[in-house]
Amino acid sequence: MMIPSTSMNVLIIGQGIAGTCLAWELQRRGVNFMVVDKPLGETASRVAAGLVNPMTGRAFRPGWRQAECLSAAAGFYPETERELHGSWWQKTPIFRELETEDQLEIWKERQMDEASSAYAGPLFPWPEGWNGKGSAAYTRGAAVLHVEGFVNAARALWVSEGRLKEGVVTPESVVSDGDAWLWDGGRYTHVVWCTGWEAGLHPAMAPLKGRPSKGTILDLALPELEWKSGILHFGHWLVHRDGIWRFGATYAWSWDDPGVPEAPAIQELMLSIVRRYKGSDLGYLRARAAVRPIIRRSQPVAGPIPGLAGQYVFSGLGSKGVTTAPWTAAALAAFLHEGTEIPSDLSPSSFWK
């Protein structure tokens, strides 16, 4: 049953790509909301490369709900560009390294397979100035989002409208009066936790702790690489934007500080790039790091928190958040506003069984 928009007031905690996409979907529906986010820092959404890769993993398979998610993303991000007068979405192919005969055979199978033939393109030589191994497999349907630009533009809009404030929300600070949830003088019908990997630290969401992973990326200057035709993927990815090459990312399952790059990760990336970049001039500009929320690989979790009526979670985007966030946000917004059912493969309830 649809809830009248005017009777809803949603508290969204966290303004990464999950919180931003959800707020946008509620805004489309005329629903009142308040986004609360920590002061700007290094988060997975801000550090992310923003890749949309239709052929993932070592087996080069399409991702979770791929057709639906790609369609939603292709409509969602250009809409935000028009409404916010910005530029952060670009369709661009991925050129993936096929180093072994086994990889080459799998790719040829994908070229013939009905589910993946639309994405598995022809093979190309590597560009000048690049010491790639094997062949470069052309991946259609790929794109890149400048995530930081997108979330910053939305943040600026909602701050100006009084719908986003900086602050820290703890589970204990959100209290019920029997009919609604209270926080910092506001009264909310719904509370949605979009706090990334930290969702699993909430006492009521311990089953969603998952296996978060810290990723490090580098910003580089590679003046002798004359290549702007797509993303290079060779275990790590390399993408060009605004005169800078962004390169990464690593995976670490433990860390001292979630937002501080660590020396072993930087060394791993530098060794990888010098093995392939043929130029003599390589400029290291900076390193950045953040933690990805991984609950069930990179398949998102969104829906009611069991045992906590009126509170919800949207997390687990992992390394596929740019692809899956718009579709998931629309599904969650439709559930909150129109009362449509949350798909079983999206709902968090299975983690409490």
Protein backbone atom coordinates (compact mmCIF):
# COMPACT_ATOMS: atom_id res chain seq x y z
CA MET A 1 0.00 0.00 0.00
CA MET A 2 1.35 3.40 -0.97
CA ILE A 3 2.14 5.73 1.91
CA PRO A 4 1.31 9.38 1.17
CA SER A 5 4.58 11.23 0.51
CA THR A 6 3.63 14.03 2.87
CA SER A 7 3.29 11.62 5.79
CA MET A 8 6.80 10.21 5.33
CA ASN A 9 10.01 11.64 6.73
CA VAL A 10 13.04 9.43 6.18
CA LEU A 11 16.33 9.70 8.05
CA ILE A 12 19.16 8.48 5.80
CA ILE A 13 22.40 7.86 7.68
CA GLY A 14 25.42 8.04 5.38
CA GLN A 15 25.93 9.78 2.05
CA GLY A 16 28.06 7.44 0.03
CA ILE A 17 26.71 6.13 -3.23
CA ALA A 18 24.03 4.08 -1.43
CA GLY A 19 22.67 6.98 0.61
CA THR A 20 22.90 9.37 -2.33
CA CYS A 21 21.04 7.08 -4.73
CA LEU A 22 18.34 6.33 -2.16
CA ALA A 23 17.82 10.02 -1.35
CA TRP A 24 17.56 10.76 -5.07
CA GLU A 25 14.88 8.07 -5.51
CA LEU A 26 12.90 9.43 -2.56
CA GLN A 27 13.25 12.93 -3.96
CA ARG A 28 11.74 11.69 -7.24
CA ARG A 29 8.71 10.50 -5.25
CA GLY A 30 8.28 13.74 -3.33
CA VAL A 31 9.21 12.09 -0.03
CA ASN A 32 10.68 14.20 2.76
CA PHE A 33 14.12 13.09 3.92
CA MET A 34 17.13 14.20 5.90
CA VAL A 35 20.59 12.88 5.10
CA VAL A 36 23.13 12.87 7.92
CA ASP A 37 26.75 12.21 7.04
CA LYS A 38 30.07 12.46 8.78
CA PRO A 39 32.31 15.38 7.79
CA LEU A 40 34.07 14.68 4.51
CA GLY A 41 36.70 11.97 4.71
CA GLU A 42 38.03 9.04 2.76
CA THR A 43 35.16 6.62 2.17
CA ALA A 44 34.72 3.81 -0.34
CA SER A 45 32.46 5.98 -2.52
CA ARG A 46 34.93 8.87 -2.62
CA VAL A 47 37.94 6.70 -3.35
CA ALA A 48 36.21 4.36 -5.82
CA ALA A 49 37.21 4.26 -9.47
CA GLY A 50 33.53 4.02 -10.36
CA LEU A 51 33.81 1.22 -12.91
CA VAL A 52 30.87 -0.53 -14.51
CA ASN A 53 32.28 -3.85 -15.71
CA PRO A 54 29.80 -6.26 -17.32
CA MET A 55 32.30 -9.18 -17.37
CA THR A 56 33.58 -9.88 -13.89
CA GLY A 57 35.82 -12.38 -12.17
CA ARG A 58 38.23 -14.90 -13.59
CA ALA A 59 35.44 -16.61 -15.50
CA PHE A 60 34.29 -13.34 -17.14
CA ARG A 61 30.65 -13.79 -16.19
CA PRO A 62 27.84 -11.20 -16.12
CA GLY A 63 27.11 -9.86 -12.63
CA TRP A 64 24.11 -10.09 -10.33
CA ARG A 65 20.87 -8.88 -11.98
CA GLN A 66 23.07 -7.38 -14.65
CA ALA A 67 20.50 -6.45 -17.29
CA GLU A 68 18.30 -4.67 -14.74
CA CYS A 69 21.20 -2.93 -13.03
CA LEU A 70 22.89 -1.75 -16.23
CA SER A 71 19.61 -0.38 -17.54
CA ALA A 72 18.91 1.45 -14.28
CA ALA A 73 22.42 2.92 -14.12
CA ALA A 74 22.32 4.06 -17.76
CA GLY A 75 19.19 6.09 -17.02
CA PHE A 76 19.96 7.22 -13.50
CA TYR A 77 23.39 8.84 -13.78
CA PRO A 78 22.69 10.95 -16.90
CA GLU A 79 19.54 12.19 -15.14
CA THR A 80 21.62 13.34 -12.18
CA GLU A 81 23.99 15.11 -14.57
CA ARG A 82 21.10 17.03 -16.13
CA GLU A 83 19.50 17.92 -12.81
CA LEU A 84 22.74 18.87 -11.05
CA HIS A 85 24.42 20.44 -14.12
CA GLY A 86 27.51 18.29 -13.88
CA SER A 87 29.51 15.68 -15.77
CA TRP A 88 30.52 12.40 -14.13
CA TRP A 89 29.18 9.53 -16.28
CA GLN A 90 31.03 8.21 -19.30
CA LYS A 91 30.43 5.10 -21.35
CA THR A 92 33.82 3.62 -22.22
CA PRO A 93 35.08 0.15 -23.08
CA ILE A 94 37.37 -1.96 -20.91
CA PHE A 95 40.39 -3.64 -22.46
CA ARG A 96 41.10 -6.69 -20.33
CA GLU A 97 44.37 -8.59 -20.31
CA LEU A 98 44.11 -12.22 -21.44
CA GLU A 99 47.49 -13.57 -20.46
CA THR A 100 46.98 -17.35 -20.64
CA GLU A 101 45.51 -19.78 -23.14
CA ASP A 102 42.87 -20.76 -20.59
CA GLN A 103 41.74 -17.13 -20.28
CA LEU A 104 41.62 -16.83 -24.06
CA GLU A 105 39.48 -19.96 -24.38
CA ILE A 106 37.05 -18.74 -21.71
CA TRP A 107 36.73 -15.41 -23.50
CA LYS A 108 35.97 -17.16 -26.79
CA GLU A 109 33.26 -19.16 -25.00
CA ARG A 110 31.77 -15.93 -23.66
CA GLN A 111 31.72 -14.51 -27.20
CA MET A 112 29.41 -17.37 -28.18
CA ASP A 113 27.32 -17.53 -24.99
CA GLU A 114 23.88 -15.90 -25.18
CA ALA A 115 24.18 -14.25 -21.73
CA SER A 116 27.56 -12.62 -22.40
CA SER A 117 28.02 -12.27 -26.17
CA ALA A 118 26.73 -8.69 -26.06
CA TYR A 119 29.69 -7.77 -23.82
CA ALA A 120 32.57 -10.02 -24.94
CA GLY A 121 34.09 -8.19 -27.88
CA PRO A 122 37.05 -8.76 -30.21
CA LEU A 123 40.73 -8.88 -29.31
CA PHE A 124 43.10 -5.96 -29.86
CA PRO A 125 46.82 -5.29 -29.54
CA TRP A 126 47.96 -3.19 -26.59
CA PRO A 127 48.56 0.54 -27.13
CA GLU A 128 51.94 2.10 -27.71
CA GLY A 129 53.84 2.69 -24.51
CA TRP A 130 52.21 -0.24 -22.73
CA ASN A 131 53.79 -3.61 -22.03
CA GLY A 132 50.58 -5.63 -21.84
CA LYS A 133 50.64 -9.42 -21.78
CA GLY A 134 48.72 -11.55 -24.24
CA SER A 135 45.72 -9.94 -25.89
CA ALA A 136 43.49 -7.02 -24.96
CA ALA A 137 39.87 -8.23 -24.81
CA TYR A 138 37.39 -5.51 -25.68
CA THR A 139 34.50 -5.37 -23.18
CA ARG A 140 31.35 -3.64 -24.40
CA GLY A 141 28.73 -2.09 -22.13
CA ALA A 142 31.29 -0.71 -19.68
CA ALA A 143 31.30 2.76 -18.17
CA VAL A 144 32.95 4.87 -15.50
CA LEU A 145 31.40 7.20 -12.95
CA HIS A 146 33.31 9.96 -11.19
CA VAL A 147 31.67 8.99 -7.91
CA GLU A 148 33.18 11.74 -5.82
CA GLY A 149 31.93 14.39 -8.24
CA PHE A 150 28.43 12.93 -8.18
CA VAL A 151 28.07 12.63 -4.41
CA ASN A 152 29.63 16.07 -3.84
CA ALA A 153 27.17 17.73 -6.25
CA ALA A 154 24.20 16.04 -4.57
CA ARG A 155 25.59 17.00 -1.18
CA ALA A 156 25.84 20.66 -2.16
CA LEU A 157 22.23 20.67 -3.40
CA TRP A 158 20.81 19.07 -0.27
CA VAL A 159 22.84 21.25 2.07
CA SER A 160 21.43 24.32 0.29
CA GLU A 161 17.90 22.91 0.70
CA GLY A 162 18.40 22.06 4.38
CA ARG A 163 18.10 18.32 3.67
CA LEU A 164 21.64 17.28 4.56
CA LYS A 165 23.60 17.96 7.70
CA GLU A 166 26.97 16.80 8.94
CA GLY A 167 27.00 14.78 12.11
CA VAL A 168 27.53 11.38 13.68
CA VAL A 169 24.53 9.15 14.33
CA THR A 170 24.97 6.33 16.83
CA PRO A 171 22.44 3.53 17.35
CA GLU A 172 21.81 4.79 20.87
CA SER A 173 21.02 8.31 19.67
CA VAL A 174 18.06 7.14 17.54
CA VAL A 175 15.19 6.56 19.99
CA SER A 176 11.55 5.61 19.56
CA ASP A 177 8.56 7.49 20.99
CA GLY A 178 6.28 4.58 20.13
CA ASP A 179 5.11 6.00 16.82
CA ALA A 180 8.27 7.38 15.20
CA TRP A 181 12.04 7.63 15.54
CA LEU A 182 13.64 10.71 17.11
CA TRP A 183 17.08 12.07 16.41
CA ASP A 184 18.54 15.52 17.06
CA GLY A 185 15.15 17.18 17.39
CA GLY A 186 13.71 15.57 14.25
CA ARG A 187 10.90 13.01 14.04
CA TYR A 188 11.17 10.31 11.39
CA THR A 189 8.87 7.60 10.10
CA HIS A 190 11.74 5.56 8.66
CA VAL A 191 15.47 5.26 9.41
CA VAL A 192 17.83 3.84 6.77
CA TRP A 193 21.43 2.97 7.61
CA CYS A 194 23.64 3.54 4.55
CA THR A 195 26.90 3.41 6.49
CA GLY A 196 28.93 1.06 4.30
CA TRP A 197 31.13 -1.47 6.03
CA GLU A 198 30.31 0.07 9.41
CA ALA A 199 26.71 -1.20 9.17
CA GLY A 200 27.94 -4.50 10.60
CA LEU A 201 29.18 -2.68 13.70
CA HIS A 202 25.61 -1.71 14.63
CA PRO A 203 24.52 -3.96 17.54
CA ALA A 204 21.32 -4.94 15.73
CA MET A 205 23.13 -5.72 12.46
CA ALA A 206 25.97 -8.00 13.55
CA PRO A 207 24.92 -10.69 11.01
CA LEU A 208 25.80 -8.17 8.26
CA LYS A 209 29.41 -7.76 9.34
CA GLY A 210 30.53 -9.71 6.27
CA ARG A 211 34.12 -9.50 5.16
CA PRO A 212 34.96 -5.86 4.40
CA SER A 213 38.08 -5.16 2.40
CA LYS A 214 40.37 -2.16 2.39
CA GLY A 215 41.34 -0.90 -1.03
CA THR A 216 44.17 1.45 -2.00
CA ILE A 217 44.40 3.41 -5.25
CA LEU A 218 47.02 5.72 -6.72
CA ASP A 219 46.73 8.90 -8.74
CA LEU A 220 49.51 8.92 -11.32
CA ALA A 221 50.93 11.02 -14.15
CA LEU A 222 51.87 8.86 -17.15
CA PRO A 223 52.77 11.44 -19.80
CA GLU A 224 54.18 8.91 -22.29
CA LEU A 225 51.04 6.76 -22.41
CA GLU A 226 49.01 8.09 -25.32
CA TRP A 227 45.81 6.24 -24.54
CA LYS A 228 42.39 7.67 -23.87
CA SER A 229 40.21 5.05 -25.55
CA GLY A 230 39.12 3.00 -22.57
CA ILE A 231 39.99 1.40 -19.26
CA LEU A 232 42.97 -0.94 -19.06
CA HIS A 233 42.35 -3.97 -16.86
CA PHE A 234 45.12 -6.40 -15.92
CA GLY A 235 44.31 -7.59 -12.42
CA HIS A 236 44.37 -3.91 -11.47
CA TRP A 237 42.59 -1.25 -13.49
CA LEU A 238 43.88 2.00 -15.00
CA VAL A 239 41.47 4.77 -15.95
CA HIS A 240 42.13 8.29 -17.23
CA ARG A 241 40.23 11.39 -16.14
CA ASP A 242 41.04 15.09 -16.22
CA GLY A 243 44.70 14.56 -17.03
CA ILE A 244 45.28 12.05 -14.20
CA TRP A 245 45.52 8.27 -14.28
CA ARG A 246 43.76 6.51 -11.42
CA PHE A 247 45.20 3.08 -10.70
CA GLY A 248 44.14 0.29 -8.36
CA ALA A 249 42.84 -1.27 -6.38
CA THR A 250 44.28 -3.56 -3.76
CA TYR A 251 42.43 -5.86 -1.36
CA ALA A 252 43.41 -6.09 2.31
CA TRP A 253 41.39 -7.96 4.91
CA SER A 254 42.87 -6.25 7.97
CA TRP A 255 44.11 -2.71 8.58
CA ASP A 256 45.26 -0.22 11.16
CA ASP A 257 43.38 2.82 9.87
CA PRO A 258 40.59 2.44 7.26
CA GLY A 259 41.33 5.75 5.52
CA VAL A 260 45.13 5.74 5.47
CA PRO A 261 47.08 4.08 2.61
CA GLU A 262 49.62 1.55 3.85
CA ALA A 263 53.10 0.99 2.42
CA PRO A 264 52.63 -2.66 1.25
CA ALA A 265 49.58 -1.71 -0.83
CA ILE A 266 51.36 1.25 -2.43
CA GLN A 267 54.36 -0.94 -3.21
CA GLU A 268 52.13 -3.60 -4.79
CA LEU A 269 50.58 -1.04 -7.12
CA MET A 270 53.87 0.63 -8.03
CA LEU A 271 55.45 -2.72 -8.92
CA SER A 272 52.45 -3.57 -11.08
CA ILE A 273 52.51 -0.30 -13.02
CA VAL A 274 56.27 -0.22 -13.68
CA ARG A 275 56.08 -3.70 -15.20
CA ARG A 276 53.68 -2.48 -17.88
CA TYR A 277 54.25 1.24 -18.39
CA LYS A 278 57.13 1.65 -20.85
CA GLY A 279 57.67 5.35 -20.28
CA SER A 280 60.63 6.73 -18.37
CA ASP A 281 58.55 9.49 -16.75
CA LEU A 282 56.16 8.16 -14.08
CA GLY A 283 54.70 10.65 -11.64
CA TYR A 284 53.33 9.53 -8.28
CA LEU A 285 50.74 12.11 -7.20
CA ARG A 286 48.99 10.59 -4.18
CA ALA A 287 47.55 7.43 -2.64
CA ARG A 288 44.06 7.04 -1.20
CA ALA A 289 42.41 4.23 0.74
CA ALA A 290 39.01 3.23 2.07
CA VAL A 291 37.08 0.10 3.07
CA ARG A 292 34.57 -1.64 0.81
CA PRO A 293 31.43 -3.12 2.40
CA ILE A 294 31.38 -6.78 1.32
CA ILE A 295 28.59 -8.91 2.78
CA ARG A 296 27.79 -11.46 0.08
CA ARG A 297 30.55 -10.82 -2.43
CA SER A 298 29.44 -7.65 -4.21
CA GLN A 299 25.71 -8.32 -4.06
CA PRO A 300 23.88 -5.57 -2.16
CA VAL A 301 21.68 -5.94 0.88
CA ALA A 302 18.65 -3.67 1.32
CA GLY A 303 15.48 -3.87 3.36
CA PRO A 304 14.07 -4.02 6.90
CA ILE A 305 16.38 -4.83 9.79
CA PRO A 306 14.89 -7.87 11.55
CA GLY A 307 13.80 -7.07 15.09
CA LEU A 308 14.05 -3.30 14.57
CA ALA A 309 10.72 -2.16 13.17
CA GLY A 310 10.91 1.04 11.15
CA GLN A 311 14.65 0.79 10.55
CA TYR A 312 16.30 -0.41 7.34
CA VAL A 313 19.71 -1.06 5.85
CA PHE A 314 21.28 -0.49 2.43
CA SER A 315 24.82 -1.84 2.28
CA GLY A 316 27.11 -4.52 0.82
CA LEU A 317 27.82 -2.83 -2.51
CA GLY A 318 31.43 -4.01 -2.53
CA SER A 319 33.28 -3.21 -5.75
CA LYS A 320 30.12 -3.16 -7.90
CA GLY A 321 28.29 -0.29 -6.24
CA VAL A 322 28.17 2.01 -9.26
CA THR A 323 26.42 -0.75 -11.21
CA THR A 324 24.00 -1.98 -8.55
CA ALA A 325 23.22 1.12 -6.44
CA PRO A 326 20.62 2.82 -8.72
CA TRP A 327 18.51 -0.33 -9.19
CA THR A 328 18.76 -1.26 -5.52
CA ALA A 329 17.89 2.28 -4.41
CA ALA A 330 14.80 2.25 -6.64
CA ALA A 331 13.72 -1.12 -5.22
CA LEU A 332 14.16 0.08 -1.64
CA ALA A 333 12.41 3.41 -2.29
CA ALA A 334 9.48 1.58 -3.91
CA PHE A 335 9.25 -0.69 -0.87
CA LEU A 336 9.27 2.25 1.55
CA HIS A 337 6.85 4.42 -0.40
CA GLU A 338 4.66 2.14 -2.53
CA GLY A 339 4.83 -0.97 -0.39
CA THR A 340 6.19 -3.20 -3.16
CA GLU A 341 7.92 -6.37 -2.04
CA ILE A 342 11.69 -6.43 -1.50
CA PRO A 343 13.21 -9.12 -3.76
CA SER A 344 14.35 -12.12 -1.73
CA ASP A 345 17.90 -11.91 -3.10
CA LEU A 346 18.13 -8.31 -1.85
CA SER A 347 16.53 -8.67 1.57
CA PRO A 348 18.76 -8.89 4.65
CA SER A 349 16.38 -11.30 6.39
CA SER A 350 18.23 -14.41 5.21
CA PHE A 351 21.22 -13.44 7.37
CA TRP A 352 19.13 -13.87 10.52
CA LYS A 353 18.08 -17.46 9.73
